[in-house]
Amino acid sequence: AAVIYQTPHSADAALYPAQCPQLQPRWRELPARLIDIGFWGRWWVLTARLRHYDINEDDFASLPPQLRRLELQQLRSHR
């Protein structure tokens, strides 16, 4: 399992708010900072949000019919 969330500062930053433990984000703030949750080999929120995103049907019109459609099993992600 993996979680992607926003942080106010980089851990490498030399700023006082980034180094002070009392100023670090609390666990109760995590839901507001959550970007995505990954498990079973996929990112769940991003997968749902990017479905059918940035698809230009005109670009695929010249392809043969069997190549115009991708099945879910044909998609791969980099590890």
PDB file of N, CA and C in Angstrom:
ATOM      1  N   ALA A   1       0.841  -1.180   0.000  1.00  0.00           N
ATOM      2  CA  ALA A   1       0.000   0.000   0.000  1.00  0.00           C
ATOM      3  C   ALA A   1       0.888   1.245   0.000  1.00  0.00           C
ATOM      4  N   ALA A   2       0.389   2.295  -0.616  1.00  0.00           N
ATOM      5  CA  ALA A   2       1.121   3.560  -0.682  1.00  0.00           C
ATOM      6  C   ALA A   2       0.119   4.707  -0.611  1.00  0.00           C
ATOM      7  N   VAL A   3       0.576   5.821  -0.079  1.00  0.00           N
ATOM      8  CA  VAL A   3      -0.267   7.011   0.045  1.00  0.00           C
ATOM      9  C   VAL A   3       0.502   8.199  -0.511  1.00  0.00           C
ATOM     10  N   ILE A   4      -0.177   9.018  -1.305  1.00  0.00           N
ATOM     11  CA  ILE A   4       0.393  10.274  -1.784  1.00  0.00           C
ATOM     12  C   ILE A   4      -0.382  11.401  -1.102  1.00  0.00           C
ATOM     13  N   TYR A   5       0.363  12.302  -0.463  1.00  0.00           N
ATOM     14  CA  TYR A   5      -0.287  13.434   0.200  1.00  0.00           C
ATOM     15  C   TYR A   5       0.594  14.669   0.073  1.00  0.00           C
ATOM     16  N   GLN A   6      -0.020  15.831   0.238  1.00  0.00           N
ATOM     17  CA  GLN A   6       0.697  17.101   0.146  1.00  0.00           C
ATOM     18  C   GLN A   6       1.318  17.447   1.489  1.00  0.00           C
ATOM     19  N   THR A   7       2.500  18.040   1.428  1.00  0.00           N
ATOM     20  CA  THR A   7       3.135  18.569   2.623  1.00  0.00           C
ATOM     21  C   THR A   7       3.383  20.057   2.404  1.00  0.00           C
ATOM     22  N   PRO A   8       3.334  20.849   3.461  1.00  0.00           N
ATOM     23  CA  PRO A   8       3.525  22.288   3.277  1.00  0.00           C
ATOM     24  C   PRO A   8       4.960  22.661   2.908  1.00  0.00           C
ATOM     25  N   HIS A   9       5.941  21.847   3.323  1.00  0.00           N
ATOM     26  CA  HIS A   9       7.349  22.116   3.048  1.00  0.00           C
ATOM     27  C   HIS A   9       8.056  20.808   2.736  1.00  0.00           C
ATOM     28  N   SER A  10       9.116  20.885   1.983  1.00  0.00           N
ATOM     29  CA  SER A  10       9.963  19.731   1.742  1.00  0.00           C
ATOM     30  C   SER A  10      10.681  19.346   3.034  1.00  0.00           C
ATOM     31  N   ALA A  11      10.923  18.060   3.216  1.00  0.00           N
ATOM     32  CA  ALA A  11      11.640  17.610   4.413  1.00  0.00           C
ATOM     33  C   ALA A  11      13.077  18.107   4.415  1.00  0.00           C
ATOM     34  N   ASP A  12      13.625  18.420   3.247  1.00  0.00           N
ATOM     35  CA  ASP A  12      15.001  18.910   3.136  1.00  0.00           C
ATOM     36  C   ASP A  12      15.113  20.420   3.314  1.00  0.00           C
ATOM     37  N   ALA A  13      13.995  21.114   3.415  1.00  0.00           N
ATOM     38  CA  ALA A  13      14.039  22.567   3.536  1.00  0.00           C
ATOM     39  C   ALA A  13      14.644  22.972   4.885  1.00  0.00           C
ATOM     40  N   ALA A  14      15.410  24.040   4.872  1.00  0.00           N
ATOM     41  CA  ALA A  14      16.047  24.520   6.096  1.00  0.00           C
ATOM     42  C   ALA A  14      15.183  25.562   6.800  1.00  0.00           C
ATOM     43  N   LEU A  15      13.927  25.670   6.423  1.00  0.00           N
ATOM     44  CA  LEU A  15      13.020  26.617   7.063  1.00  0.00           C
ATOM     45  C   LEU A  15      12.615  26.120   8.446  1.00  0.00           C
ATOM     46  N   TYR A  16      12.430  27.028   9.360  1.00  0.00           N
ATOM     47  CA  TYR A  16      12.030  26.649  10.711  1.00  0.00           C
ATOM     48  C   TYR A  16      10.704  25.885  10.725  1.00  0.00           C
ATOM     49  N   PRO A  17       9.666  26.348   9.996  1.00  0.00           N
ATOM     50  CA  PRO A  17       8.411  25.586  10.016  1.00  0.00           C
ATOM     51  C   PRO A  17       8.554  24.162   9.456  1.00  0.00           C
ATOM     52  N   ALA A  18       9.529  23.939   8.583  1.00  0.00           N
ATOM     53  CA  ALA A  18       9.728  22.600   8.034  1.00  0.00           C
ATOM     54  C   ALA A  18      10.461  21.688   9.011  1.00  0.00           C
ATOM     55  N   GLN A  19      11.222  22.237   9.945  1.00  0.00           N
ATOM     56  CA  GLN A  19      12.027  21.442  10.870  1.00  0.00           C
ATOM     57  C   GLN A  19      11.392  21.278  12.254  1.00  0.00           C
ATOM     58  N   CYS A  20      10.542  22.192  12.636  1.00  0.00           N
ATOM     59  CA  CYS A  20       9.954  22.166  13.975  1.00  0.00           C
ATOM     60  C   CYS A  20       8.874  21.074  14.057  1.00  0.00           C
ATOM     61  N   PRO A  21       9.008  20.096  14.963  1.00  0.00           N
ATOM     62  CA  PRO A  21       8.022  19.020  15.043  1.00  0.00           C
ATOM     63  C   PRO A  21       6.639  19.502  15.474  1.00  0.00           C
ATOM     64  N   GLN A  22       6.564  20.578  16.237  1.00  0.00           N
ATOM     65  CA  GLN A  22       5.251  21.076  16.669  1.00  0.00           C
ATOM     66  C   GLN A  22       4.476  21.733  15.524  1.00  0.00           C
ATOM     67  N   LEU A  23       5.155  22.103  14.464  1.00  0.00           N
ATOM     68  CA  LEU A  23       4.490  22.755  13.333  1.00  0.00           C
ATOM     69  C   LEU A  23       4.213  21.799  12.181  1.00  0.00           C
ATOM     70  N   GLN A  24       4.540  20.526  12.355  1.00  0.00           N
ATOM     71  CA  GLN A  24       4.277  19.537  11.319  1.00  0.00           C
ATOM     72  C   GLN A  24       2.772  19.269  11.232  1.00  0.00           C
ATOM     73  N   PRO A  25       2.276  18.886  10.051  1.00  0.00           N
ATOM     74  CA  PRO A  25       0.845  18.573   9.916  1.00  0.00           C
ATOM     75  C   PRO A  25       0.436  17.415  10.836  1.00  0.00           C
ATOM     76  N   ARG A  26      -0.738  17.502  11.397  1.00  0.00           N
ATOM     77  CA  ARG A  26      -1.263  16.474  12.292  1.00  0.00           C
ATOM     78  C   ARG A  26      -1.971  15.382  11.485  1.00  0.00           C
ATOM     79  N   TRP A  27      -2.134  14.217  12.091  1.00  0.00           N
ATOM     80  CA  TRP A  27      -2.811  13.107  11.416  1.00  0.00           C
ATOM     81  C   TRP A  27      -4.253  13.446  11.070  1.00  0.00           C
ATOM     82  N   ARG A  28      -4.892  14.248  11.875  1.00  0.00           N
ATOM     83  CA  ARG A  28      -6.296  14.592  11.587  1.00  0.00           C
ATOM     84  C   ARG A  28      -6.421  15.467  10.328  1.00  0.00           C
ATOM     85  N   GLU A  29      -5.315  16.088   9.896  1.00  0.00           N
ATOM     86  CA  GLU A  29      -5.313  16.899   8.679  1.00  0.00           C
ATOM     87  C   GLU A  29      -5.053  16.068   7.419  1.00  0.00           C
ATOM     88  N   LEU A  30      -4.691  14.800   7.596  1.00  0.00           N
ATOM     89  CA  LEU A  30      -4.338  13.959   6.455  1.00  0.00           C
ATOM     90  C   LEU A  30      -5.448  13.846   5.404  1.00  0.00           C
ATOM     91  N   PRO A  31      -6.716  13.657   5.771  1.00  0.00           N
ATOM     92  CA  PRO A  31      -7.741  13.551   4.727  1.00  0.00           C
ATOM     93  C   PRO A  31      -7.805  14.768   3.795  1.00  0.00           C
ATOM     94  N   ALA A  32      -7.548  15.955   4.311  1.00  0.00           N
ATOM     95  CA  ALA A  32      -7.569  17.153   3.473  1.00  0.00           C
ATOM     96  C   ALA A  32      -6.349  17.223   2.561  1.00  0.00           C
ATOM     97  N   ARG A  33      -5.253  16.577   2.942  1.00  0.00           N
ATOM     98  CA  ARG A  33      -4.017  16.604   2.167  1.00  0.00           C
ATOM     99  C   ARG A  33      -3.863  15.392   1.253  1.00  0.00           C
ATOM    100  N   LEU A  34      -4.736  14.425   1.367  1.00  0.00           N
ATOM    101  CA  LEU A  34      -4.641  13.177   0.622  1.00  0.00           C
ATOM    102  C   LEU A  34      -4.835  13.409  -0.873  1.00  0.00           C
ATOM    103  N   ILE A  35      -3.938  12.866  -1.673  1.00  0.00           N
ATOM    104  CA  ILE A  35      -4.051  12.947  -3.127  1.00  0.00           C
ATOM    105  C   ILE A  35      -4.524  11.626  -3.694  1.00  0.00           C
ATOM    106  N   ASP A  36      -3.904  10.522  -3.262  1.00  0.00           N
ATOM    107  CA  ASP A  36      -4.291   9.208  -3.779  1.00  0.00           C
ATOM    108  C   ASP A  36      -3.828   8.099  -2.855  1.00  0.00           C
ATOM    109  N   ILE A  37      -4.471   6.945  -3.002  1.00  0.00           N
ATOM    110  CA  ILE A  37      -4.121   5.740  -2.268  1.00  0.00           C
ATOM    111  C   ILE A  37      -3.846   4.650  -3.293  1.00  0.00           C
ATOM    112  N   GLY A  38      -2.720   3.983  -3.138  1.00  0.00           N
ATOM    113  CA  GLY A  38      -2.369   2.918  -4.058  1.00  0.00           C
ATOM    114  C   GLY A  38      -2.265   1.578  -3.359  1.00  0.00           C
ATOM    115  N   PHE A  39      -2.934   0.579  -3.898  1.00  0.00           N
ATOM    116  CA  PHE A  39      -2.786  -0.800  -3.447  1.00  0.00           C
ATOM    117  C   PHE A  39      -3.311  -1.712  -4.533  1.00  0.00           C
ATOM    118  N   TRP A  40      -2.911  -2.976  -4.463  1.00  0.00           N
ATOM    119  CA  TRP A  40      -3.216  -3.972  -5.483  1.00  0.00           C
ATOM    120  C   TRP A  40      -2.736  -3.532  -6.859  1.00  0.00           C
ATOM    121  N   GLY A  41      -1.599  -2.819  -6.901  1.00  0.00           N
ATOM    122  CA  GLY A  41      -0.974  -2.453  -8.156  1.00  0.00           C
ATOM    123  C   GLY A  41      -1.594  -1.294  -8.906  1.00  0.00           C
ATOM    124  N   ARG A  42      -2.429  -0.488  -8.267  1.00  0.00           N
ATOM    125  CA  ARG A  42      -3.003   0.664  -8.973  1.00  0.00           C
ATOM    126  C   ARG A  42      -3.277   1.818  -8.022  1.00  0.00           C
ATOM    127  N   TRP A  43      -3.345   3.008  -8.606  1.00  0.00           N
ATOM    128  CA  TRP A  43      -3.714   4.218  -7.863  1.00  0.00           C
ATOM    129  C   TRP A  43      -5.206   4.405  -8.063  1.00  0.00           C
ATOM    130  N   TRP A  44      -5.975   4.422  -7.004  1.00  0.00           N
ATOM    131  CA  TRP A  44      -7.432   4.376  -7.097  1.00  0.00           C
ATOM    132  C   TRP A  44      -8.059   5.724  -7.442  1.00  0.00           C
ATOM    133  N   VAL A  45      -7.662   6.795  -6.805  1.00  0.00           N
ATOM    134  CA  VAL A  45      -8.287   8.095  -7.068  1.00  0.00           C
ATOM    135  C   VAL A  45      -7.880   8.615  -8.440  1.00  0.00           C
ATOM    136  N   LEU A  46      -6.593   8.571  -8.763  1.00  0.00           N
ATOM    137  CA  LEU A  46      -6.128   9.069 -10.058  1.00  0.00           C
ATOM    138  C   LEU A  46      -6.693   8.257 -11.219  1.00  0.00           C
ATOM    139  N   THR A  47      -6.823   6.959 -11.040  1.00  0.00           N
ATOM    140  CA  THR A  47      -7.413   6.121 -12.086  1.00  0.00           C
ATOM    141  C   THR A  47      -8.841   6.558 -12.382  1.00  0.00           C
ATOM    142  N   ALA A  48      -9.601   6.827 -11.357  1.00  0.00           N
ATOM    143  CA  ALA A  48     -10.990   7.257 -11.545  1.00  0.00           C
ATOM    144  C   ALA A  48     -11.074   8.646 -12.163  1.00  0.00           C
ATOM    145  N   ARG A  49     -10.192   9.548 -11.743  1.00  0.00           N
ATOM    146  CA  ARG A  49     -10.237  10.922 -12.258  1.00  0.00           C
ATOM    147  C   ARG A  49      -9.724  11.041 -13.691  1.00  0.00           C
ATOM    148  N   LEU A  50      -8.808  10.185 -14.087  1.00  0.00           N
ATOM    149  CA  LEU A  50      -8.212  10.290 -15.416  1.00  0.00           C
ATOM    150  C   LEU A  50      -8.858   9.380 -16.451  1.00  0.00           C
ATOM    151  N   ARG A  51      -9.918   8.715 -16.097  1.00  0.00           N
ATOM    152  CA  ARG A  51     -10.615   7.859 -17.058  1.00  0.00           C
ATOM    153  C   ARG A  51     -11.205   8.733 -18.169  1.00  0.00           C
ATOM    154  N   HIS A  52     -10.917   8.362 -19.398  1.00  0.00           N
ATOM    155  CA  HIS A  52     -11.384   9.088 -20.588  1.00  0.00           C
ATOM    156  C   HIS A  52     -10.878  10.528 -20.610  1.00  0.00           C
ATOM    157  N   TYR A  53      -9.726  10.783 -20.034  1.00  0.00           N
ATOM    158  CA  TYR A  53      -9.172  12.129 -20.002  1.00  0.00           C
ATOM    159  C   TYR A  53      -8.214  12.325 -21.167  1.00  0.00           C
ATOM    160  N   ASP A  54      -8.314  13.448 -21.844  1.00  0.00           N
ATOM    161  CA  ASP A  54      -7.399  13.828 -22.907  1.00  0.00           C
ATOM    162  C   ASP A  54      -7.385  12.821 -24.055  1.00  0.00           C
ATOM    163  N   ILE A  55      -8.552  12.403 -24.465  1.00  0.00           N
ATOM    164  CA  ILE A  55      -8.660  11.485 -25.599  1.00  0.00           C
ATOM    165  C   ILE A  55      -9.253  12.256 -26.767  1.00  0.00           C
ATOM    166  N   ASN A  56      -8.513  12.312 -27.844  1.00  0.00           N
ATOM    167  CA  ASN A  56      -8.975  12.970 -29.041  1.00  0.00           C
ATOM    168  C   ASN A  56      -9.372  11.886 -30.042  1.00  0.00           C
ATOM    169  N   GLU A  57     -10.648  11.693 -30.224  1.00  0.00           N
ATOM    170  CA  GLU A  57     -11.150  10.618 -31.079  1.00  0.00           C
ATOM    171  C   GLU A  57     -10.689  10.786 -32.531  1.00  0.00           C
ATOM    172  N   ASP A  58     -10.464  12.024 -32.994  1.00  0.00           N
ATOM    173  CA  ASP A  58     -10.033  12.240 -34.375  1.00  0.00           C
ATOM    174  C   ASP A  58      -8.655  11.644 -34.639  1.00  0.00           C
ATOM    175  N   ASP A  59      -7.808  11.607 -33.623  1.00  0.00           N
ATOM    176  CA  ASP A  59      -6.479  11.016 -33.790  1.00  0.00           C
ATOM    177  C   ASP A  59      -6.539   9.514 -34.049  1.00  0.00           C
ATOM    178  N   PHE A  60      -7.577   8.856 -33.579  1.00  0.00           N
ATOM    179  CA  PHE A  60      -7.699   7.411 -33.721  1.00  0.00           C
ATOM    180  C   PHE A  60      -8.586   6.999 -34.889  1.00  0.00           C
ATOM    181  N   ALA A  61      -9.165   7.941 -35.605  1.00  0.00           N
ATOM    182  CA  ALA A  61     -10.097   7.617 -36.684  1.00  0.00           C
ATOM    183  C   ALA A  61      -9.433   6.868 -37.840  1.00  0.00           C
ATOM    184  N   SER A  62      -8.156   7.104 -38.083  1.00  0.00           N
ATOM    185  CA  SER A  62      -7.484   6.452 -39.208  1.00  0.00           C
ATOM    186  C   SER A  62      -6.956   5.057 -38.867  1.00  0.00           C
ATOM    187  N   LEU A  63      -7.054   4.648 -37.618  1.00  0.00           N
ATOM    188  CA  LEU A  63      -6.579   3.325 -37.220  1.00  0.00           C
ATOM    189  C   LEU A  63      -7.562   2.235 -37.639  1.00  0.00           C
ATOM    190  N   PRO A  64      -7.066   1.015 -37.826  1.00  0.00           N
ATOM    191  CA  PRO A  64      -7.991  -0.105 -38.097  1.00  0.00           C
ATOM    192  C   PRO A  64      -8.920  -0.314 -36.889  1.00  0.00           C
ATOM    193  N   PRO A  65     -10.087  -0.877 -37.099  1.00  0.00           N
ATOM    194  CA  PRO A  65     -11.076  -1.022 -36.016  1.00  0.00           C
ATOM    195  C   PRO A  65     -10.541  -1.766 -34.784  1.00  0.00           C
ATOM    196  N   GLN A  66      -9.702  -2.786 -34.986  1.00  0.00           N
ATOM    197  CA  GLN A  66      -9.222  -3.550 -33.835  1.00  0.00           C
ATOM    198  C   GLN A  66      -8.244  -2.748 -32.977  1.00  0.00           C
ATOM    199  N   LEU A  67      -7.660  -1.668 -33.509  1.00  0.00           N
ATOM    200  CA  LEU A  67      -6.731  -0.845 -32.745  1.00  0.00           C
ATOM    201  C   LEU A  67      -7.375   0.416 -32.167  1.00  0.00           C
ATOM    202  N   ARG A  68      -8.622   0.661 -32.483  1.00  0.00           N
ATOM    203  CA  ARG A  68      -9.297   1.864 -31.994  1.00  0.00           C
ATOM    204  C   ARG A  68      -9.718   1.754 -30.529  1.00  0.00           C
ATOM    205  N   ARG A  69      -9.727   0.550 -30.023  1.00  0.00           N
ATOM    206  CA  ARG A  69     -10.183   0.344 -28.647  1.00  0.00           C
ATOM    207  C   ARG A  69      -9.118  -0.410 -27.871  1.00  0.00           C
ATOM    208  N   LEU A  70      -8.823   0.065 -26.665  1.00  0.00           N
ATOM    209  CA  LEU A  70      -7.894  -0.611 -25.771  1.00  0.00           C
ATOM    210  C   LEU A  70      -8.666  -1.275 -24.648  1.00  0.00           C
ATOM    211  N   GLU A  71      -8.289  -2.478 -24.344  1.00  0.00           N
ATOM    212  CA  GLU A  71      -8.875  -3.176 -23.202  1.00  0.00           C
ATOM    213  C   GLU A  71      -8.062  -2.848 -21.958  1.00  0.00           C
ATOM    214  N   LEU A  72      -8.663  -2.972 -20.802  1.00  0.00           N
ATOM    215  CA  LEU A  72      -7.996  -2.665 -19.545  1.00  0.00           C
ATOM    216  C   LEU A  72      -6.749  -3.524 -19.345  1.00  0.00           C
ATOM    217  N   GLN A  73      -6.764  -4.761 -19.828  1.00  0.00           N
ATOM    218  CA  GLN A  73      -5.624  -5.661 -19.659  1.00  0.00           C
ATOM    219  C   GLN A  73      -4.418  -5.214 -20.490  1.00  0.00           C
ATOM    220  N   GLN A  74      -4.615  -4.373 -21.501  1.00  0.00           N
ATOM    221  CA  GLN A  74      -3.520  -3.909 -22.352  1.00  0.00           C
ATOM    222  C   GLN A  74      -2.767  -2.738 -21.736  1.00  0.00           C
ATOM    223  N   LEU A  75      -3.327  -2.088 -20.754  1.00  0.00           N
ATOM    224  CA  LEU A  75      -2.692  -0.925 -20.138  1.00  0.00           C
ATOM    225  C   LEU A  75      -1.697  -1.386 -19.079  1.00  0.00           C
ATOM    226  N   ARG A  76      -0.531  -0.758 -19.057  1.00  0.00           N
ATOM    227  CA  ARG A  76       0.505  -1.100 -18.082  1.00  0.00           C
ATOM    228  C   ARG A  76       1.019   0.185 -17.430  1.00  0.00           C
ATOM    229  N   SER A  77       1.495   0.077 -16.223  1.00  0.00           N
ATOM    230  CA  SER A  77       2.102   1.219 -15.550  1.00  0.00           C
ATOM    231  C   SER A  77       3.546   0.872 -15.226  1.00  0.00           C
ATOM    232  N   HIS A  78       4.379   1.891 -15.109  1.00  0.00           N
ATOM    233  CA  HIS A  78       5.784   1.684 -14.780  1.00  0.00           C
ATOM    234  C   HIS A  78       5.929   1.489 -13.289  1.00  0.00           C
ATOM    235  N   ARG A  79       6.806   0.610 -12.906  1.00  0.00           N
ATOM    236  CA  ARG A  79       7.043   0.371 -11.476  1.00  0.00           C
ATOM    237  C   ARG A  79       8.373   0.927 -11.097  1.00  0.00           C
TER     238      ARG A  79
END
